[in-house]
Amino acid sequence: MTKQIATATRTGGRSATDRIVMGEYALAVGKPKLDSPSGWKWVKLSDVARLESGHTPSRRKPEYWGGTVPWLGIKDAKIHHGELIAKTREYTNQLGLDNSSARLLPKGTVCLSRTASVGYVVVMDCPMATSQDFVNWICSDALDPQFLKYLLIAEKKAYSRFSSGAVHQTIYFPEVKAFHICLPPLPEQKRIVAILDEAFGAIAKAKENAARNLANARELFDSYLNRVFTEKGEGWETKLVGDIAGHSLGKMLDKKKNKGIPRSYLRNKNVRWFDFDLADLLEMKFEPGEERKYTAKKGDVLVCEGGYPGRAAIWQSEEAIFFQKAVHRIRFVEPSHNRWFVYYIFYRDSFGTLKSYFTGAGIQHFTGKALGRFSLPIPPRSADIESLCDKFDDLRQKTEDLAALYTQKLAALDELKQSILQKAFTGQLTSKSPEFELVP
C-alpha cells in the first residue's frame, strides 16, 4: 500500500496515532515489498533525528547582518534543491544569533522548506543558521542525512495534503512532529544513497547536455540574425517605423466607462514571440464604432507596450481581433516589412539593445513615441526581404523543433528521477536497474 506523510491534525474520526499505525500516512513512498528479515521498520522521525526550527535576526539591526555565519533562505534552497550547500545569499553573525531565536546548526543538518515554497530540500555542508521558513533535522547515528534528503525529495507531491494557509501554504510544526519514516538498517541506507548519487549524477549530466544542445541551437539562430543585420548589404536604408507604418495602442480597460458588446481581446500576455497564446482571452465591452480603431486584421503586427516590452507577432487569422492599450498595432505600408520588423525587433531584444527605447526605472514601457522613432534597416528590394525572411522562418522552425525535443527529454529525465526514488523507498532498488543507462 502506498503511504504518505504522517499528519498529527487531520484525524478524520481517528487519532493520528491510529492512522499512522494503520499505515494511512507515513514519510515514505511505500513500505518495502521485501518481507522481514529485510530490517526495514517504521519509526518516528523525531526518534532518529532532532528537530530544529529557524529564525530571522531583526532586519532593523544592520549590525546583526554581514558576518561570517551563512543564513539559509528560501531562494538559496530553490537554487540548491537536492544539493549540499555551503554558501548562502545572506550572512548573519554571533551578535545576530545571540539576540534572536536563530540557531547555528551543524554540518549534515537536513533542511526542508515548509512555507511559501514548500518542499525544497538541502543538506548543510558547513554550520549555518536558517530562516523560520525551514524545518531542520540533525540526524542521529541511525539515520544517514543523505538518505533523509532523498526521502524528503521523494515526498514533495504529498506535502500539499497537509499544508494549509489561504495566501501561503505552510506545514506547521504539529504536522512535522508526526512524521514517520520506514527506515532500513544503516548499511542499506548507505547502499541506496550510493546508487541514487550515481543515478542522479548521470541524470544531471544528461540534463546538462540537453540544455547545452538547446542553447547551441538557439545560439545558431541568433548568430545568423546577427550576421544578416550587422553585415547588411548594398543599398540598405534605415527608416523610422513612424515613416513607413501606422501604429496605435488599443482600448483602455475601464469597466465603469466602457460600453457596448463584450468582445474577446488581446492583452500583452497573449502576445508571444512570433505567435499568440489564445487560451485565456478575456472580454471587455466595445461599441460598434470602435471596431476599426481597436481591431487587428490579418497581416498586422502586434507589439507589447508593457509586460514584456517589444515582444511581437503577426496576426495571421482571417478574423479580426480586438486589443487593449498595453498592445501596439502596427500596419506597414509595404506588407513585406511585417516579418522583417518582427525578426529585427527580436534580434534587438536577444542582444539586449532594444531596451534603449524603453522608459521607466522599474516597470518598463515601449511607448508609442519610442515605437515611432524605432529605426529599421531595410534591404532595397522586397524580393530580398522575402528571401531572407524565408530563411529566418526555416531556421527558427528547426530551432523550435529542437527545443520541443529537448524539453521532452528534460521532462522524461525528471520523471525518471521520481521513478528511481519510488523504487528506492519500496525496497526495489538495485545497482543494475536498466534506467541508469542514460543516453546523453
Protein backbone atom coordinates (compact mmCIF):
# COMPACT_ATOMS: atom_id res chain seq x y z
CA MET A 1 0.00 0.00 0.00
CA THR A 2 1.36 3.45 -0.90
CA LYS A 3 1.79 5.58 2.20
CA GLN A 4 2.05 9.33 2.60
CA ILE A 5 3.47 11.67 5.24
CA ALA A 6 2.08 11.39 8.74
CA THR A 7 -0.10 14.22 9.97
CA ALA A 8 -0.99 14.89 13.57
CA THR A 9 -4.02 17.09 12.98
CA ARG A 10 -6.19 15.58 10.27
CA THR A 11 -7.81 12.86 12.31
CA GLY A 12 -10.95 12.22 10.29
CA GLY A 13 -12.60 10.37 13.20
CA ARG A 14 -9.49 8.51 14.37
CA SER A 15 -6.44 9.67 16.27
CA ALA A 16 -3.25 10.49 14.38
CA THR A 17 -1.56 7.58 16.13
CA ASP A 18 -4.22 5.18 14.88
CA ARG A 19 -3.81 6.45 11.35
CA ILE A 20 -0.04 6.03 11.50
CA VAL A 21 -0.30 2.51 12.85
CA MET A 22 -2.85 1.66 10.16
CA GLY A 23 -0.39 2.89 7.56
CA GLU A 24 -2.55 5.65 6.07
CA TYR A 25 0.22 8.22 6.43
CA ALA A 26 3.99 7.92 6.61
CA LEU A 27 7.01 9.80 5.31
CA ALA A 28 7.94 7.23 2.71
CA VAL A 29 6.73 6.45 -0.77
CA GLY A 30 5.75 2.97 0.33
CA LYS A 31 6.60 0.08 2.55
CA PRO A 32 9.27 -2.22 1.07
CA LYS A 33 7.91 -5.22 -0.77
CA LEU A 34 10.65 -7.29 0.84
CA ASP A 35 9.44 -9.07 3.92
CA SER A 36 11.39 -9.39 7.16
CA PRO A 37 14.32 -10.04 7.63
CA SER A 38 14.93 -7.03 5.34
CA GLY A 39 15.19 -4.97 8.50
CA TRP A 40 13.01 -2.06 7.34
CA LYS A 41 10.88 -0.66 10.15
CA TRP A 42 8.54 2.26 10.81
CA VAL A 43 9.96 4.82 13.21
CA LYS A 44 9.02 8.31 14.30
CA LEU A 45 11.40 10.69 12.55
CA SER A 46 11.97 12.67 15.74
CA ASP A 47 13.24 9.45 17.39
CA VAL A 48 16.16 9.25 14.94
CA ALA A 49 16.73 12.95 14.26
CA ARG A 50 16.49 16.10 16.39
CA LEU A 51 14.01 18.63 15.02
CA GLU A 52 15.15 22.27 14.96
CA SER A 53 13.45 25.45 13.77
CA GLY A 54 14.94 28.57 12.23
CA HIS A 55 14.63 32.30 12.79
CA THR A 56 15.46 35.65 11.19
CA PRO A 57 17.54 38.15 13.19
CA SER A 58 15.98 41.62 13.23
CA ARG A 59 16.23 43.43 9.89
CA ARG A 60 16.10 46.70 11.83
CA LYS A 61 19.52 45.91 13.30
CA PRO A 62 22.11 46.10 10.49
CA GLU A 63 24.78 45.07 12.98
CA TYR A 64 23.16 41.61 13.07
CA TRP A 65 23.96 41.08 9.37
CA GLY A 66 27.01 40.80 7.17
CA GLY A 67 29.04 38.43 9.32
CA THR A 68 30.50 35.01 8.61
CA VAL A 69 27.57 32.77 9.59
CA PRO A 70 25.70 31.50 6.48
CA TRP A 71 21.95 32.12 6.79
CA LEU A 72 19.76 29.85 4.67
CA GLY A 73 16.75 31.40 2.93
CA ILE A 74 14.11 30.13 0.51
CA LYS A 75 15.96 31.46 -2.55
CA ASP A 76 19.07 29.50 -1.52
CA ALA A 77 17.02 26.32 -1.22
CA LYS A 78 15.46 26.82 -4.67
CA ILE A 79 18.87 27.20 -6.27
CA HIS A 80 20.48 24.29 -4.41
CA HIS A 81 17.50 21.92 -4.14
CA GLY A 82 18.74 18.38 -3.55
CA GLU A 83 22.34 19.50 -3.00
CA LEU A 84 24.88 20.14 -0.30
CA ILE A 85 25.03 23.86 0.46
CA ALA A 86 27.96 25.81 1.88
CA LYS A 87 27.33 29.38 0.68
CA THR A 88 24.19 31.49 1.05
CA ARG A 89 22.97 34.83 -0.27
CA GLU A 90 22.94 36.40 3.21
CA TYR A 91 25.13 36.05 6.28
CA THR A 92 24.49 36.81 9.93
CA ASN A 93 26.92 36.85 12.86
CA GLN A 94 27.26 35.87 16.51
CA LEU A 95 25.52 39.06 17.62
CA GLY A 96 22.55 38.18 15.40
CA LEU A 97 22.41 34.66 16.85
CA ASP A 98 22.70 35.89 20.44
CA ASN A 99 19.81 38.33 20.01
CA SER A 100 17.35 36.09 18.17
CA SER A 101 15.97 32.58 18.18
CA ALA A 102 18.23 31.65 15.26
CA ARG A 103 20.47 28.68 15.95
CA LEU A 104 23.80 27.64 14.49
CA LEU A 105 23.12 24.14 13.19
CA PRO A 106 25.86 21.61 12.43
CA LYS A 107 27.14 20.31 9.12
CA GLY A 108 24.90 17.50 7.86
CA THR A 109 21.65 19.10 9.02
CA VAL A 110 18.81 18.33 6.57
CA CYS A 111 16.55 21.31 5.81
CA LEU A 112 13.05 21.25 4.32
CA SER A 113 11.30 24.47 3.24
CA ARG A 114 7.91 24.47 4.94
CA THR A 115 6.25 27.72 3.87
CA ALA A 116 5.64 29.82 0.72
CA SER A 117 7.62 27.39 -1.45
CA VAL A 118 7.12 24.04 0.25
CA GLY A 119 9.32 21.05 -0.49
CA TYR A 120 12.83 22.30 -1.25
CA VAL A 121 15.49 20.19 0.45
CA VAL A 122 19.17 20.89 1.11
CA VAL A 123 21.87 19.44 3.35
CA MET A 124 24.25 21.77 5.17
CA ASP A 125 27.88 21.35 4.13
CA CYS A 126 29.03 23.59 6.99
CA PRO A 127 27.48 25.04 10.15
CA MET A 128 24.79 27.63 9.37
CA ALA A 129 21.50 29.13 10.53
CA THR A 130 18.19 29.13 8.69
CA SER A 131 15.10 31.30 8.43
CA GLN A 132 11.82 30.27 10.06
CA ASP A 133 10.74 29.00 6.63
CA PHE A 134 12.51 25.69 7.31
CA VAL A 135 12.23 22.65 9.48
CA ASN A 136 15.64 21.14 10.15
CA TRP A 137 16.74 17.69 11.26
CA ILE A 138 20.03 16.83 12.92
CA CYS A 139 20.36 13.12 12.19
CA SER A 140 21.46 10.57 14.77
CA ASP A 141 23.89 7.75 14.00
CA ALA A 142 20.89 5.64 12.95
CA LEU A 143 19.95 7.93 10.04
CA ASP A 144 22.11 8.95 7.07
CA PRO A 145 21.41 12.64 6.22
CA GLN A 146 21.63 11.90 2.50
CA PHE A 147 19.06 9.12 2.87
CA LEU A 148 16.67 11.53 4.60
CA LYS A 149 17.33 14.14 1.90
CA TYR A 150 16.28 11.75 -0.87
CA LEU A 151 13.28 10.61 1.15
CA LEU A 152 12.07 14.19 1.59
CA ILE A 153 12.53 14.88 -2.13
CA ALA A 154 10.56 11.75 -3.00
CA GLU A 155 7.60 13.01 -0.96
CA LYS A 156 7.35 16.52 -2.44
CA LYS A 157 3.97 15.91 -4.09
CA ALA A 158 2.49 14.70 -0.81
CA TYR A 159 3.22 17.89 1.15
CA SER A 160 0.16 19.65 -0.25
CA ARG A 161 -2.09 17.14 1.55
CA PHE A 162 -1.32 18.63 4.92
CA SER A 163 -0.11 22.14 4.08
CA SER A 164 -2.56 24.90 4.96
CA GLY A 165 -2.95 28.65 4.58
CA ALA A 166 -5.07 30.99 2.45
CA VAL A 167 -2.15 33.00 1.00
CA HIS A 168 0.96 30.90 1.57
CA GLN A 169 0.83 27.15 2.06
CA THR A 170 2.59 26.17 5.28
CA ILE A 171 3.48 22.94 7.07
CA TYR A 172 3.04 23.63 10.78
CA PHE A 173 5.15 22.02 13.48
CA PRO A 174 2.42 19.72 14.91
CA GLU A 175 2.33 18.12 11.46
CA VAL A 176 6.10 17.88 11.23
CA LYS A 177 6.40 16.28 14.64
CA ALA A 178 4.15 13.44 13.46
CA PHE A 179 6.43 12.45 10.56
CA HIS A 180 7.16 8.73 10.48
CA ILE A 181 9.55 7.04 8.09
CA CYS A 182 10.14 3.48 7.00
CA LEU A 183 13.82 3.07 7.85
CA PRO A 184 16.21 0.35 6.66
CA PRO A 185 19.42 -0.53 8.53
CA LEU A 186 22.26 1.98 8.12
CA PRO A 187 24.29 -0.15 5.66
CA GLU A 188 21.20 -0.41 3.43
CA GLN A 189 20.67 3.37 3.69
CA LYS A 190 24.22 3.96 2.53
CA ARG A 191 23.85 1.46 -0.32
CA ILE A 192 20.69 3.21 -1.51
CA VAL A 193 22.32 6.65 -1.23
CA ALA A 194 25.32 5.48 -3.28
CA ILE A 195 23.05 4.19 -6.06
CA LEU A 196 20.92 7.34 -6.01
CA ASP A 197 24.01 9.56 -6.09
CA GLU A 198 25.28 7.72 -9.15
CA ALA A 199 21.89 7.72 -10.90
CA PHE A 200 21.13 11.37 -10.13
CA GLY A 201 24.63 12.34 -11.23
CA ALA A 202 24.02 10.66 -14.58
CA ILE A 203 20.63 12.36 -14.88
CA ALA A 204 22.14 15.75 -14.06
CA LYS A 205 24.77 15.23 -16.75
CA ALA A 206 22.13 14.21 -19.30
CA LYS A 207 20.04 17.29 -18.42
CA GLU A 208 23.12 19.48 -18.73
CA ASN A 209 23.84 18.04 -22.18
CA ALA A 210 20.23 18.57 -23.30
CA ALA A 211 20.23 22.15 -22.03
CA ARG A 212 23.55 22.84 -23.75
CA ASN A 213 22.34 21.39 -27.06
CA LEU A 214 19.22 23.55 -26.83
CA ALA A 215 21.32 26.64 -26.08
CA ASN A 216 23.56 25.83 -29.05
CA ALA A 217 20.55 25.58 -31.37
CA ARG A 218 19.22 28.95 -30.19
CA GLU A 219 22.68 30.48 -30.48
CA LEU A 220 22.90 29.31 -34.09
CA PHE A 221 19.63 31.11 -34.88
CA ASP A 222 20.71 34.27 -33.05
CA SER A 223 24.12 34.30 -34.73
CA TYR A 224 22.52 34.06 -38.19
CA LEU A 225 20.25 37.01 -37.42
CA ASN A 226 23.23 38.93 -36.11
CA ARG A 227 25.25 38.28 -39.26
CA VAL A 228 22.43 39.42 -41.55
CA PHE A 229 21.57 42.56 -39.61
CA THR A 230 25.16 43.69 -38.91
CA GLU A 231 26.77 42.95 -42.27
CA LYS A 232 23.75 44.29 -44.18
CA GLY A 233 24.12 44.70 -47.92
CA GLU A 234 24.43 47.17 -50.72
CA GLY A 235 21.63 49.67 -50.92
CA TRP A 236 20.20 49.09 -47.44
CA GLU A 237 18.43 52.07 -45.90
CA THR A 238 17.45 52.86 -42.32
CA LYS A 239 13.90 54.12 -41.86
CA LEU A 240 11.79 55.05 -38.86
CA VAL A 241 8.72 52.92 -38.14
CA GLY A 242 6.65 56.09 -37.90
CA ASP A 243 7.57 56.96 -41.50
CA ILE A 244 6.66 53.61 -43.07
CA ALA A 245 3.75 52.37 -40.91
CA GLY A 246 0.75 53.48 -38.94
CA HIS A 247 0.69 52.46 -35.29
CA SER A 248 -1.68 52.87 -32.36
CA LEU A 249 -2.49 51.47 -28.94
CA GLY A 250 -5.62 49.53 -28.10
CA LYS A 251 -8.50 50.42 -25.81
CA MET A 252 -8.03 51.10 -22.12
CA LEU A 253 -9.82 48.65 -19.84
CA ASP A 254 -12.32 50.65 -17.78
CA LYS A 255 -15.30 48.64 -16.57
CA LYS A 256 -17.18 51.75 -15.42
CA LYS A 257 -16.86 53.74 -18.67
CA ASN A 258 -16.72 51.04 -21.33
CA LYS A 259 -19.99 50.40 -23.12
CA GLY A 260 -21.07 48.12 -25.92
CA ILE A 261 -20.88 44.41 -26.65
CA PRO A 262 -18.45 42.12 -24.76
CA ARG A 263 -15.65 41.04 -27.10
CA SER A 264 -12.56 38.94 -26.69
CA TYR A 265 -9.38 40.99 -26.80
CA LEU A 266 -5.60 40.59 -26.74
CA ARG A 267 -3.53 41.57 -23.71
CA ASN A 268 0.25 41.80 -23.75
CA LYS A 269 0.21 38.42 -22.01
CA ASN A 270 -1.36 36.89 -25.12
CA VAL A 271 1.34 38.23 -27.46
CA ARG A 272 4.29 35.82 -27.61
CA TRP A 273 7.30 35.93 -29.86
CA PHE A 274 6.09 35.11 -33.39
CA ASP A 275 2.77 33.71 -32.13
CA PHE A 276 -0.22 34.23 -29.82
CA ASP A 277 -1.49 32.37 -26.77
CA LEU A 278 -5.27 32.46 -27.11
CA ALA A 279 -6.04 30.00 -24.31
CA ASP A 280 -7.17 32.62 -21.80
CA LEU A 281 -8.64 35.54 -23.73
CA LEU A 282 -10.66 37.94 -21.60
CA GLU A 283 -13.56 40.15 -22.65
CA MET A 284 -14.33 43.85 -22.46
CA LYS A 285 -17.06 45.98 -23.99
CA PHE A 286 -16.59 47.62 -27.40
CA GLU A 287 -19.07 49.83 -29.23
CA PRO A 288 -19.69 49.17 -32.95
CA GLY A 289 -17.90 52.39 -33.96
CA GLU A 290 -14.71 51.27 -32.19
CA GLU A 291 -14.07 48.16 -34.27
CA ARG A 292 -11.90 49.88 -36.86
CA LYS A 293 -9.81 51.66 -34.22
CA TYR A 294 -9.26 48.76 -31.85
CA THR A 295 -9.04 45.63 -34.03
CA ALA A 296 -6.09 43.98 -35.72
CA LYS A 297 -6.59 42.31 -39.08
CA LYS A 298 -4.57 39.69 -40.91
CA GLY A 299 -1.02 40.90 -41.50
CA ASP A 300 -0.96 43.47 -38.68
CA VAL A 301 1.96 43.35 -36.26
CA LEU A 302 1.10 43.42 -32.56
CA VAL A 303 3.78 44.58 -30.13
CA CYS A 304 3.76 44.61 -26.32
CA GLU A 305 3.85 48.11 -24.85
CA GLY A 306 4.36 46.78 -21.32
CA GLY A 307 4.79 43.45 -19.55
CA TYR A 308 7.45 42.23 -21.96
CA PRO A 309 8.07 45.43 -23.95
CA GLY A 310 8.79 44.83 -27.62
CA ARG A 311 7.61 41.23 -27.86
CA ALA A 312 5.88 40.94 -31.22
CA ALA A 313 3.91 38.68 -33.55
CA ILE A 314 1.90 38.94 -36.75
CA TRP A 315 -1.86 38.33 -36.65
CA GLN A 316 -2.49 35.59 -39.26
CA SER A 317 -6.20 34.86 -38.80
CA GLU A 318 -8.79 35.97 -41.32
CA GLU A 319 -10.95 37.01 -38.37
CA ALA A 320 -10.08 40.37 -36.79
CA ILE A 321 -9.24 40.59 -33.08
CA PHE A 322 -9.67 43.42 -30.57
CA PHE A 323 -6.68 44.55 -28.50
CA GLN A 324 -6.16 46.63 -25.36
CA LYS A 325 -3.98 49.62 -24.53
CA ALA A 326 -0.98 47.54 -23.42
CA VAL A 327 -0.54 46.41 -27.05
CA HIS A 328 0.54 48.37 -30.16
CA ARG A 329 -0.91 47.62 -33.58
CA ILE A 330 1.46 48.32 -36.49
CA ARG A 331 0.21 48.37 -40.06
CA PHE A 332 3.07 48.70 -42.56
CA VAL A 333 2.53 50.29 -45.96
CA GLU A 334 4.72 47.60 -47.52
CA PRO A 335 3.48 44.10 -46.43
CA SER A 336 6.97 42.55 -46.72
CA HIS A 337 8.07 44.76 -43.82
CA ASN A 338 5.86 42.82 -41.37
CA ARG A 339 8.02 39.74 -40.94
CA TRP A 340 11.19 41.77 -41.38
CA PHE A 341 10.25 44.07 -38.50
CA VAL A 342 9.38 41.19 -36.14
CA TYR A 343 12.68 39.44 -36.79
CA TYR A 344 14.65 42.65 -36.39
CA ILE A 345 12.99 43.62 -33.10
CA PHE A 346 13.52 40.03 -31.86
CA TYR A 347 17.20 40.36 -32.80
CA ARG A 348 17.49 43.66 -30.91
CA ASP A 349 15.83 42.12 -27.86
CA SER A 350 18.04 38.99 -27.98
CA PHE A 351 21.21 41.09 -27.95
CA GLY A 352 19.97 43.48 -25.25
CA THR A 353 19.87 46.64 -27.35
CA LEU A 354 16.09 47.06 -27.59
CA LYS A 355 15.85 48.34 -24.01
CA SER A 356 17.40 51.66 -25.10
CA TYR A 357 13.92 52.52 -26.42
CA PHE A 358 12.15 51.78 -23.13
CA THR A 359 11.06 54.21 -20.43
CA GLY A 360 10.58 53.56 -16.70
CA ALA A 361 13.08 52.69 -13.99
CA GLY A 362 11.06 49.81 -12.53
CA ILE A 363 8.24 48.71 -14.81
CA GLN A 364 9.38 49.48 -18.33
CA HIS A 365 7.26 50.58 -21.29
CA PHE A 366 7.72 50.76 -25.04
CA THR A 367 5.73 53.91 -25.71
CA GLY A 368 4.10 54.91 -28.99
CA LYS A 369 6.58 57.78 -29.32
CA ALA A 370 9.52 55.39 -28.93
CA LEU A 371 7.99 52.94 -31.39
CA GLY A 372 7.56 55.70 -33.95
CA ARG A 373 11.26 56.58 -33.83
CA PHE A 374 12.40 52.93 -33.84
CA SER A 375 14.90 52.65 -36.70
CA LEU A 376 14.62 49.70 -39.06
CA PRO A 377 17.37 48.78 -41.56
CA ILE A 378 15.74 47.63 -44.81
CA PRO A 379 17.12 45.96 -47.98
CA PRO A 380 16.29 47.79 -51.21
CA ARG A 381 14.09 45.11 -52.79
CA SER A 382 11.01 43.36 -51.40
CA ALA A 383 12.23 40.12 -53.01
CA ASP A 384 15.41 40.27 -50.89
CA ILE A 385 13.36 40.82 -47.75
CA GLU A 386 11.07 37.88 -48.53
CA SER A 387 14.02 35.59 -49.29
CA LEU A 388 15.81 36.43 -46.04
CA CYS A 389 12.60 36.09 -44.03
CA ASP A 390 12.00 32.65 -45.55
CA LYS A 391 15.46 31.60 -44.35
CA PHE A 392 14.69 33.06 -40.91
CA ASP A 393 11.43 31.09 -40.82
CA ASP A 394 13.15 27.84 -41.75
CA LEU A 395 15.92 28.18 -39.18
CA ARG A 396 13.51 29.28 -36.45
CA GLN A 397 11.27 26.27 -37.11
CA LYS A 398 14.24 23.91 -36.80
CA THR A 399 15.24 25.62 -33.57
CA GLU A 400 11.71 25.30 -32.16
CA ASP A 401 11.61 21.61 -33.14
CA LEU A 402 14.86 21.03 -31.27
CA ALA A 403 13.52 23.00 -28.31
CA ALA A 404 10.44 20.76 -28.18
CA LEU A 405 12.63 17.65 -28.40
CA TYR A 406 14.94 18.72 -25.59
CA THR A 407 12.05 19.94 -23.45
CA GLN A 408 10.51 16.46 -23.74
CA LYS A 409 13.84 14.90 -22.85
CA LEU A 410 14.20 17.09 -19.76
CA ALA A 411 10.67 16.18 -18.65
CA ALA A 412 11.42 12.48 -19.18
CA LEU A 413 14.56 12.78 -17.06
CA ASP A 414 12.55 14.37 -14.24
CA GLU A 415 10.05 11.50 -14.44
CA LEU A 416 12.96 9.06 -14.32
CA LYS A 417 14.20 10.65 -11.10
CA GLN A 418 10.80 10.11 -9.48
CA SER A 419 10.68 6.52 -10.72
CA ILE A 420 14.09 5.79 -9.20
CA LEU A 421 13.08 7.39 -5.90
CA GLN A 422 9.91 5.30 -5.88
CA LYS A 423 11.98 2.15 -6.20
CA ALA A 424 14.49 3.33 -3.61
CA PHE A 425 11.85 3.59 -0.89
CA THR A 426 9.94 0.46 -1.77
CA GLY A 427 12.96 -1.81 -1.42
CA GLN A 428 13.24 -2.46 -5.17
CA LEU A 429 16.41 -0.55 -5.96
CA THR A 430 19.39 -2.45 -7.32
CA SER A 431 22.64 -1.18 -8.79
CA LYS A 432 21.77 -2.84 -12.11
CA SER A 433 18.48 -1.03 -12.76
CA PRO A 434 18.21 -0.51 -16.55
CA GLU A 435 17.02 3.11 -16.12
CA PHE A 436 20.52 4.18 -15.10
CA GLU A 437 21.91 3.63 -18.60
CA LEU A 438 21.21 7.14 -19.84
CA VAL A 439 21.69 8.39 -23.38
CA PRO A 440 23.48 11.82 -23.31
